[in-house]
């Protein structure tokens, strides 16, 4: 992973150090706090592995059936 330099005011750095979990690096703490802050601002987001919503409404229940039909077509 490429390193990026971010300059933090002394007061923010002190807050980060105060919120560091045991065994956690400073960089990991900053990343965790940024992630938590973004989640708080954005609200819940759909995980990337959830489909686009296209397809039959009963796809979750009948996925095996539809996959079997696709396999049989080939």
C-alpha atoms as a PDB file:
ATOM      1  CA  UNK A   1       0.000   0.000   0.000  1.00  0.00           C
ATOM      2  CA  UNK A   2       1.351   3.422  -0.907  1.00  0.00           C
ATOM      3  CA  UNK A   3       2.100   5.727   1.975  1.00  0.00           C
ATOM      4  CA  UNK A   4       0.318   9.040   2.179  1.00  0.00           C
ATOM      5  CA  UNK A   5       1.298  11.929   4.382  1.00  0.00           C
ATOM      6  CA  UNK A   6      -1.374  13.831   6.233  1.00  0.00           C
ATOM      7  CA  UNK A   7      -0.554  16.713   8.541  1.00  0.00           C
ATOM      8  CA  UNK A   8      -2.701  16.831  11.646  1.00  0.00           C
ATOM      9  CA  UNK A   9      -2.931  19.698  14.090  1.00  0.00           C
ATOM     10  CA  UNK A  10      -1.373  18.853  17.466  1.00  0.00           C
ATOM     11  CA  UNK A  11      -4.792  18.802  19.135  1.00  0.00           C
ATOM     12  CA  UNK A  12      -6.126  16.266  16.600  1.00  0.00           C
ATOM     13  CA  UNK A  13      -3.014  14.113  16.945  1.00  0.00           C
ATOM     14  CA  UNK A  14      -3.481  14.115  20.712  1.00  0.00           C
ATOM     15  CA  UNK A  15      -7.102  13.005  20.272  1.00  0.00           C
ATOM     16  CA  UNK A  16      -6.023  10.210  17.918  1.00  0.00           C
ATOM     17  CA  UNK A  17      -3.400   9.002  20.386  1.00  0.00           C
ATOM     18  CA  UNK A  18      -6.007   9.057  23.156  1.00  0.00           C
ATOM     19  CA  UNK A  19      -8.383   6.928  21.062  1.00  0.00           C
ATOM     20  CA  UNK A  20      -5.767   4.374  19.994  1.00  0.00           C
ATOM     21  CA  UNK A  21      -6.756   0.836  20.924  1.00  0.00           C
ATOM     22  CA  UNK A  22      -4.257  -1.468  22.600  1.00  0.00           C
ATOM     23  CA  UNK A  23      -1.793  -2.816  20.044  1.00  0.00           C
ATOM     24  CA  UNK A  24      -3.129  -0.528  17.290  1.00  0.00           C
ATOM     25  CA  UNK A  25      -0.709   1.593  15.266  1.00  0.00           C
ATOM     26  CA  UNK A  26      -1.213   5.317  14.833  1.00  0.00           C
ATOM     27  CA  UNK A  27      -2.001   4.801  11.122  1.00  0.00           C
ATOM     28  CA  UNK A  28      -4.521   2.081  11.892  1.00  0.00           C
ATOM     29  CA  UNK A  29      -6.186   4.342  14.455  1.00  0.00           C
ATOM     30  CA  UNK A  30      -6.444   7.213  11.975  1.00  0.00           C
ATOM     31  CA  UNK A  31      -7.894   4.854   9.355  1.00  0.00           C
ATOM     32  CA  UNK A  32     -10.418   3.420  11.832  1.00  0.00           C
ATOM     33  CA  UNK A  33     -11.510   6.876  12.981  1.00  0.00           C
ATOM     34  CA  UNK A  34     -11.882   8.119   9.386  1.00  0.00           C
ATOM     35  CA  UNK A  35     -13.924   5.046   8.490  1.00  0.00           C
ATOM     36  CA  UNK A  36     -16.162   5.438  11.561  1.00  0.00           C
ATOM     37  CA  UNK A  37     -16.650   9.134  10.817  1.00  0.00           C
ATOM     38  CA  UNK A  38     -17.567   8.515   7.178  1.00  0.00           C
ATOM     39  CA  UNK A  39     -20.041   5.813   8.181  1.00  0.00           C
ATOM     40  CA  UNK A  40     -21.618   8.189  10.706  1.00  0.00           C
ATOM     41  CA  UNK A  41     -22.002  10.914   8.072  1.00  0.00           C
ATOM     42  CA  UNK A  42     -23.153   8.704   5.181  1.00  0.00           C
ATOM     43  CA  UNK A  43     -25.368   6.360   7.106  1.00  0.00           C
ATOM     44  CA  UNK A  44     -25.629   2.677   6.298  1.00  0.00           C
ATOM     45  CA  UNK A  45     -24.431   1.601   2.859  1.00  0.00           C
ATOM     46  CA  UNK A  46     -25.171  -1.521   0.900  1.00  0.00           C
ATOM     47  CA  UNK A  47     -22.193  -3.906   0.869  1.00  0.00           C
ATOM     48  CA  UNK A  48     -20.547  -4.172  -2.554  1.00  0.00           C
ATOM     49  CA  UNK A  49     -21.382  -7.862  -2.795  1.00  0.00           C
ATOM     50  CA  UNK A  50     -25.144  -7.174  -2.809  1.00  0.00           C
ATOM     51  CA  UNK A  51     -26.556  -7.335  -6.310  1.00  0.00           C
ATOM     52  CA  UNK A  52     -27.887  -4.448  -8.283  1.00  0.00           C
ATOM     53  CA  UNK A  53     -31.474  -5.485  -7.745  1.00  0.00           C
ATOM     54  CA  UNK A  54     -31.882  -6.691 -11.309  1.00  0.00           C
ATOM     55  CA  UNK A  55     -33.490 -10.035 -11.881  1.00  0.00           C
ATOM     56  CA  UNK A  56     -36.501 -11.861 -10.532  1.00  0.00           C
ATOM     57  CA  UNK A  57     -37.923 -10.769  -7.166  1.00  0.00           C
ATOM     58  CA  UNK A  58     -37.612 -14.287  -5.789  1.00  0.00           C
ATOM     59  CA  UNK A  59     -33.937 -14.639  -6.700  1.00  0.00           C
ATOM     60  CA  UNK A  60     -32.829 -14.998  -3.086  1.00  0.00           C
ATOM     61  CA  UNK A  61     -35.205 -17.867  -2.465  1.00  0.00           C
ATOM     62  CA  UNK A  62     -34.841 -19.610  -5.827  1.00  0.00           C
ATOM     63  CA  UNK A  63     -31.211 -18.889  -6.705  1.00  0.00           C
ATOM     64  CA  UNK A  64     -30.325 -22.570  -6.977  1.00  0.00           C
ATOM     65  CA  UNK A  65     -33.253 -23.172  -9.320  1.00  0.00           C
ATOM     66  CA  UNK A  66     -32.206 -20.322 -11.621  1.00  0.00           C
ATOM     67  CA  UNK A  67     -28.551 -21.402 -11.573  1.00  0.00           C
ATOM     68  CA  UNK A  68     -29.544 -24.981 -12.404  1.00  0.00           C
ATOM     69  CA  UNK A  69     -31.652 -23.716 -15.344  1.00  0.00           C
ATOM     70  CA  UNK A  70     -28.687 -21.690 -16.629  1.00  0.00           C
ATOM     71  CA  UNK A  71     -26.380 -24.699 -16.330  1.00  0.00           C
ATOM     72  CA  UNK A  72     -28.869 -26.908 -18.163  1.00  0.00           C
ATOM     73  CA  UNK A  73     -28.999 -24.418 -21.062  1.00  0.00           C
ATOM     74  CA  UNK A  74     -25.250 -24.836 -21.694  1.00  0.00           C
END
